[in-house]
Amino acid sequence: MASRNKTLVPEAKTGLNRLKTEVASEIGLNNYENIDKGNLSSRQNGSVGGEMVKRMIESYEQSL
């Protein structure tokens, strides 16, 4: 199954990957970029994405 995710702003990809790695390590998923995500629970993967969105929203609100 091919990924349907498209990078709308290619320049942001590096920053998002850095944020993903930082969040994952803070919740105890060290070396997240090299882990087979299929071996993690939905809760673990969802926690990373959810925390990323939370931080991006907080950052945007602070910049207003």
PDB file of N, CA and C in Angstrom:
ATOM      1  N   MET A   1       0.839  -1.177   0.000  1.00  0.00           N
ATOM      2  CA  MET A   1       0.000   0.000   0.000  1.00  0.00           C
ATOM      3  C   MET A   1       0.883   1.240   0.000  1.00  0.00           C
ATOM      4  N   ALA A   2       0.695   2.081  -0.946  1.00  0.00           N
ATOM      5  CA  ALA A   2       1.513   3.288  -1.078  1.00  0.00           C
ATOM      6  C   ALA A   2       1.030   4.363  -0.111  1.00  0.00           C
ATOM      7  N   SER A   3       1.959   5.160   0.353  1.00  0.00           N
ATOM      8  CA  SER A   3       1.626   6.263   1.247  1.00  0.00           C
ATOM      9  C   SER A   3       0.924   7.367   0.466  1.00  0.00           C
ATOM     10  N   ARG A   4      -0.121   7.911   1.054  1.00  0.00           N
ATOM     11  CA  ARG A   4      -0.853   8.998   0.410  1.00  0.00           C
ATOM     12  C   ARG A   4      -0.428  10.352   0.975  1.00  0.00           C
ATOM     13  N   ASN A   5       0.482  10.345   1.932  1.00  0.00           N
ATOM     14  CA  ASN A   5       0.941  11.597   2.522  1.00  0.00           C
ATOM     15  C   ASN A   5       1.774  12.365   1.516  1.00  0.00           C
ATOM     16  N   LYS A   6       1.450  13.634   1.350  1.00  0.00           N
ATOM     17  CA  LYS A   6       2.212  14.483   0.454  1.00  0.00           C
ATOM     18  C   LYS A   6       2.791  15.635   1.258  1.00  0.00           C
ATOM     19  N   THR A   7       4.041  15.941   1.016  1.00  0.00           N
ATOM     20  CA  THR A   7       4.688  17.051   1.684  1.00  0.00           C
ATOM     21  C   THR A   7       4.317  18.330   0.951  1.00  0.00           C
ATOM     22  N   LEU A   8       3.536  19.174   1.619  1.00  0.00           N
ATOM     23  CA  LEU A   8       3.103  20.418   0.996  1.00  0.00           C
ATOM     24  C   LEU A   8       4.207  21.468   1.005  1.00  0.00           C
ATOM     25  N   VAL A   9       5.005  21.466   2.079  1.00  0.00           N
ATOM     26  CA  VAL A   9       6.118  22.402   2.188  1.00  0.00           C
ATOM     27  C   VAL A   9       7.381  21.572   2.429  1.00  0.00           C
ATOM     28  N   PRO A  10       8.100  21.225   1.368  1.00  0.00           N
ATOM     29  CA  PRO A  10       9.267  20.351   1.517  1.00  0.00           C
ATOM     30  C   PRO A  10      10.305  20.881   2.507  1.00  0.00           C
ATOM     31  N   GLU A  11      10.424  22.189   2.614  1.00  0.00           N
ATOM     32  CA  GLU A  11      11.407  22.785   3.525  1.00  0.00           C
ATOM     33  C   GLU A  11      11.085  22.476   4.987  1.00  0.00           C
ATOM     34  N   ALA A  12       9.842  22.149   5.303  1.00  0.00           N
ATOM     35  CA  ALA A  12       9.428  21.891   6.679  1.00  0.00           C
ATOM     36  C   ALA A  12       9.691  20.448   7.109  1.00  0.00           C
ATOM     37  N   LYS A  13       9.991  19.582   6.177  1.00  0.00           N
ATOM     38  CA  LYS A  13      10.142  18.162   6.487  1.00  0.00           C
ATOM     39  C   LYS A  13      11.239  17.898   7.525  1.00  0.00           C
ATOM     40  N   THR A  14      12.367  18.569   7.406  1.00  0.00           N
ATOM     41  CA  THR A  14      13.463  18.377   8.353  1.00  0.00           C
ATOM     42  C   THR A  14      13.044  18.780   9.757  1.00  0.00           C
ATOM     43  N   GLY A  15      12.388  19.916   9.861  1.00  0.00           N
ATOM     44  CA  GLY A  15      11.932  20.391  11.176  1.00  0.00           C
ATOM     45  C   GLY A  15      10.894  19.476  11.795  1.00  0.00           C
ATOM     46  N   LEU A  16       9.980  18.967  10.988  1.00  0.00           N
ATOM     47  CA  LEU A  16       8.965  18.049  11.498  1.00  0.00           C
ATOM     48  C   LEU A  16       9.587  16.737  11.960  1.00  0.00           C
ATOM     49  N   ASN A  17      10.553  16.247  11.222  1.00  0.00           N
ATOM     50  CA  ASN A  17      11.243  15.017  11.640  1.00  0.00           C
ATOM     51  C   ASN A  17      11.998  15.227  12.945  1.00  0.00           C
ATOM     52  N   ARG A  18      12.610  16.398  13.101  1.00  0.00           N
ATOM     53  CA  ARG A  18      13.320  16.714  14.344  1.00  0.00           C
ATOM     54  C   ARG A  18      12.336  16.768  15.518  1.00  0.00           C
ATOM     55  N   LEU A  19      11.183  17.416  15.305  1.00  0.00           N
ATOM     56  CA  LEU A  19      10.160  17.500  16.339  1.00  0.00           C
ATOM     57  C   LEU A  19       9.636  16.110  16.688  1.00  0.00           C
ATOM     58  N   LYS A  20       9.406  15.273  15.678  1.00  0.00           N
ATOM     59  CA  LYS A  20       8.911  13.916  15.897  1.00  0.00           C
ATOM     60  C   LYS A  20       9.890  13.119  16.751  1.00  0.00           C
ATOM     61  N   THR A  21      11.168  13.214  16.443  1.00  0.00           N
ATOM     62  CA  THR A  21      12.189  12.490  17.196  1.00  0.00           C
ATOM     63  C   THR A  21      12.266  12.994  18.632  1.00  0.00           C
ATOM     64  N   GLU A  22      12.182  14.314  18.806  1.00  0.00           N
ATOM     65  CA  GLU A  22      12.228  14.909  20.142  1.00  0.00           C
ATOM     66  C   GLU A  22      11.044  14.449  20.988  1.00  0.00           C
ATOM     67  N   VAL A  23       9.852  14.510  20.427  1.00  0.00           N
ATOM     68  CA  VAL A  23       8.645  14.100  21.156  1.00  0.00           C
ATOM     69  C   VAL A  23       8.717  12.620  21.495  1.00  0.00           C
ATOM     70  N   ALA A  24       9.112  11.795  20.540  1.00  0.00           N
ATOM     71  CA  ALA A  24       9.189  10.349  20.770  1.00  0.00           C
ATOM     72  C   ALA A  24      10.157  10.018  21.897  1.00  0.00           C
ATOM     73  N   SER A  25      11.304  10.668  21.921  1.00  0.00           N
ATOM     74  CA  SER A  25      12.271  10.373  22.984  1.00  0.00           C
ATOM     75  C   SER A  25      11.755  10.840  24.342  1.00  0.00           C
ATOM     76  N   GLU A  26      10.983  11.928  24.367  1.00  0.00           N
ATOM     77  CA  GLU A  26      10.425  12.416  25.633  1.00  0.00           C
ATOM     78  C   GLU A  26       9.375  11.467  26.196  1.00  0.00           C
ATOM     79  N   ILE A  27       8.699  10.707  25.337  1.00  0.00           N
ATOM     80  CA  ILE A  27       7.706   9.761  25.850  1.00  0.00           C
ATOM     81  C   ILE A  27       8.275   8.342  25.947  1.00  0.00           C
ATOM     82  N   GLY A  28       9.582   8.208  25.794  1.00  0.00           N
ATOM     83  CA  GLY A  28      10.260   6.935  26.021  1.00  0.00           C
ATOM     84  C   GLY A  28      10.478   6.075  24.798  1.00  0.00           C
ATOM     85  N   LEU A  29      10.293   6.622  23.608  1.00  0.00           N
ATOM     86  CA  LEU A  29      10.522   5.857  22.378  1.00  0.00           C
ATOM     87  C   LEU A  29      11.827   6.322  21.741  1.00  0.00           C
ATOM     88  N   ASN A  30      12.930   5.888  22.319  1.00  0.00           N
ATOM     89  CA  ASN A  30      14.241   6.286  21.819  1.00  0.00           C
ATOM     90  C   ASN A  30      14.529   5.647  20.468  1.00  0.00           C
ATOM     91  N   ASN A  31      15.320   6.334  19.651  1.00  0.00           N
ATOM     92  CA  ASN A  31      15.686   5.860  18.315  1.00  0.00           C
ATOM     93  C   ASN A  31      14.445   5.652  17.444  1.00  0.00           C
ATOM     94  N   TYR A  32      13.459   6.534  17.583  1.00  0.00           N
ATOM     95  CA  TYR A  32      12.161   6.409  16.909  1.00  0.00           C
ATOM     96  C   TYR A  32      12.280   6.386  15.399  1.00  0.00           C
ATOM     97  N   GLU A  33      13.224   7.126  14.850  1.00  0.00           N
ATOM     98  CA  GLU A  33      13.337   7.185  13.399  1.00  0.00           C
ATOM     99  C   GLU A  33      13.750   5.849  12.794  1.00  0.00           C
ATOM    100  N   ASN A  34      14.350   4.957  13.592  1.00  0.00           N
ATOM    101  CA  ASN A  34      14.805   3.663  13.088  1.00  0.00           C
ATOM    102  C   ASN A  34      13.946   2.490  13.556  1.00  0.00           C
ATOM    103  N   ILE A  35      12.902   2.770  14.338  1.00  0.00           N
ATOM    104  CA  ILE A  35      12.020   1.716  14.847  1.00  0.00           C
ATOM    105  C   ILE A  35      11.002   1.345  13.776  1.00  0.00           C
ATOM    106  N   ASP A  36      10.681   0.060  13.687  1.00  0.00           N
ATOM    107  CA  ASP A  36       9.594  -0.384  12.807  1.00  0.00           C
ATOM    108  C   ASP A  36       8.285   0.039  13.469  1.00  0.00           C
ATOM    109  N   LYS A  37       7.625   1.044  12.908  1.00  0.00           N
ATOM    110  CA  LYS A  37       6.414   1.605  13.510  1.00  0.00           C
ATOM    111  C   LYS A  37       5.286   0.575  13.583  1.00  0.00           C
ATOM    112  N   GLY A  38       5.339  -0.466  12.767  1.00  0.00           N
ATOM    113  CA  GLY A  38       4.345  -1.518  12.808  1.00  0.00           C
ATOM    114  C   GLY A  38       4.403  -2.348  14.074  1.00  0.00           C
ATOM    115  N   ASN A  39       5.541  -2.308  14.759  1.00  0.00           N
ATOM    116  CA  ASN A  39       5.693  -3.042  16.016  1.00  0.00           C
ATOM    117  C   ASN A  39       5.263  -2.220  17.226  1.00  0.00           C
ATOM    118  N   LEU A  40       4.895  -0.970  17.006  1.00  0.00           N
ATOM    119  CA  LEU A  40       4.422  -0.118  18.102  1.00  0.00           C
ATOM    120  C   LEU A  40       2.899  -0.134  18.133  1.00  0.00           C
ATOM    121  N   SER A  41       2.349   0.141  19.289  1.00  0.00           N
ATOM    122  CA  SER A  41       0.889   0.178  19.381  1.00  0.00           C
ATOM    123  C   SER A  41       0.362   1.471  18.758  1.00  0.00           C
ATOM    124  N   SER A  42      -0.917   1.464  18.443  1.00  0.00           N
ATOM    125  CA  SER A  42      -1.556   2.672  17.912  1.00  0.00           C
ATOM    126  C   SER A  42      -1.464   3.795  18.921  1.00  0.00           C
ATOM    127  N   ARG A  43      -1.562   3.449  20.185  1.00  0.00           N
ATOM    128  CA  ARG A  43      -1.479   4.454  21.249  1.00  0.00           C
ATOM    129  C   ARG A  43      -0.103   5.132  21.251  1.00  0.00           C
ATOM    130  N   GLN A  44       0.950   4.345  21.089  1.00  0.00           N
ATOM    131  CA  GLN A  44       2.301   4.908  21.082  1.00  0.00           C
ATOM    132  C   GLN A  44       2.499   5.827  19.875  1.00  0.00           C
ATOM    133  N   ASN A  45       2.139   5.347  18.693  1.00  0.00           N
ATOM    134  CA  ASN A  45       2.286   6.166  17.492  1.00  0.00           C
ATOM    135  C   ASN A  45       1.394   7.399  17.558  1.00  0.00           C
ATOM    136  N   GLY A  46       0.173   7.233  18.047  1.00  0.00           N
ATOM    137  CA  GLY A  46      -0.753   8.352  18.164  1.00  0.00           C
ATOM    138  C   GLY A  46      -0.296   9.388  19.166  1.00  0.00           C
ATOM    139  N   SER A  47       0.372   8.948  20.214  1.00  0.00           N
ATOM    140  CA  SER A  47       0.882   9.881  21.217  1.00  0.00           C
ATOM    141  C   SER A  47       1.923  10.815  20.619  1.00  0.00           C
ATOM    142  N   VAL A  48       2.756  10.279  19.762  1.00  0.00           N
ATOM    143  CA  VAL A  48       3.788  11.100  19.115  1.00  0.00           C
ATOM    144  C   VAL A  48       3.125  12.156  18.231  1.00  0.00           C
ATOM    145  N   GLY A  49       2.230  11.718  17.355  1.00  0.00           N
ATOM    146  CA  GLY A  49       1.550  12.658  16.461  1.00  0.00           C
ATOM    147  C   GLY A  49       0.699  13.666  17.207  1.00  0.00           C
ATOM    148  N   GLY A  50      -0.009  13.213  18.217  1.00  0.00           N
ATOM    149  CA  GLY A  50      -0.856  14.103  19.000  1.00  0.00           C
ATOM    150  C   GLY A  50      -0.061  15.175  19.708  1.00  0.00           C
ATOM    151  N   GLU A  51       1.051  14.795  20.296  1.00  0.00           N
ATOM    152  CA  GLU A  51       1.901  15.765  20.993  1.00  0.00           C
ATOM    153  C   GLU A  51       2.515  16.749  20.009  1.00  0.00           C
ATOM    154  N   MET A  52       2.855  16.270  18.816  1.00  0.00           N
ATOM    155  CA  MET A  52       3.398  17.180  17.794  1.00  0.00           C
ATOM    156  C   MET A  52       2.368  18.245  17.430  1.00  0.00           C
ATOM    157  N   VAL A  53       1.123  17.826  17.192  1.00  0.00           N
ATOM    158  CA  VAL A  53       0.065  18.774  16.840  1.00  0.00           C
ATOM    159  C   VAL A  53      -0.166  19.755  17.978  1.00  0.00           C
ATOM    160  N   LYS A  54      -0.197  19.257  19.196  1.00  0.00           N
ATOM    161  CA  LYS A  54      -0.390  20.115  20.371  1.00  0.00           C
ATOM    162  C   LYS A  54       0.677  21.201  20.426  1.00  0.00           C
ATOM    163  N   ARG A  55       1.927  20.814  20.226  1.00  0.00           N
ATOM    164  CA  ARG A  55       3.026  21.788  20.283  1.00  0.00           C
ATOM    165  C   ARG A  55       2.973  22.785  19.132  1.00  0.00           C
ATOM    166  N   MET A  56       2.585  22.314  17.951  1.00  0.00           N
ATOM    167  CA  MET A  56       2.488  23.237  16.809  1.00  0.00           C
ATOM    168  C   MET A  56       1.386  24.260  17.031  1.00  0.00           C
ATOM    169  N   ILE A  57       0.271  23.828  17.599  1.00  0.00           N
ATOM    170  CA  ILE A  57      -0.835  24.754  17.885  1.00  0.00           C
ATOM    171  C   ILE A  57      -0.408  25.750  18.952  1.00  0.00           C
ATOM    172  N   GLU A  58       0.250  25.289  20.012  1.00  0.00           N
ATOM    173  CA  GLU A  58       0.721  26.201  21.056  1.00  0.00           C
ATOM    174  C   GLU A  58       1.692  27.222  20.489  1.00  0.00           C
ATOM    175  N   SER A  59       2.585  26.777  19.632  1.00  0.00           N
ATOM    176  CA  SER A  59       3.556  27.683  19.018  1.00  0.00           C
ATOM    177  C   SER A  59       2.869  28.742  18.188  1.00  0.00           C
ATOM    178  N   TYR A  60       1.879  28.320  17.410  1.00  0.00           N
ATOM    179  CA  TYR A  60       1.131  29.274  16.573  1.00  0.00           C
ATOM    180  C   TYR A  60       0.373  30.273  17.440  1.00  0.00           C
ATOM    181  N   GLU A  61      -0.285  29.800  18.489  1.00  0.00           N
ATOM    182  CA  GLU A  61      -1.044  30.699  19.359  1.00  0.00           C
ATOM    183  C   GLU A  61      -0.148  31.718  20.043  1.00  0.00           C
ATOM    184  N   GLN A  62       1.054  31.314  20.417  1.00  0.00           N
ATOM    185  CA  GLN A  62       1.992  32.238  21.045  1.00  0.00           C
ATOM    186  C   GLN A  62       2.486  33.296  20.069  1.00  0.00           C
ATOM    187  N   SER A  63       2.496  32.956  18.788  1.00  0.00           N
ATOM    188  CA  SER A  63       2.992  33.922  17.798  1.00  0.00           C
ATOM    189  C   SER A  63       1.929  34.952  17.415  1.00  0.00           C
ATOM    190  N   LEU A  64       0.685  34.742  17.809  1.00  0.00           N
ATOM    191  CA  LEU A  64      -0.387  35.694  17.496  1.00  0.00           C
ATOM    192  C   LEU A  64      -0.248  36.973  18.290  1.00  0.00           C
TER     193      LEU A  64
END
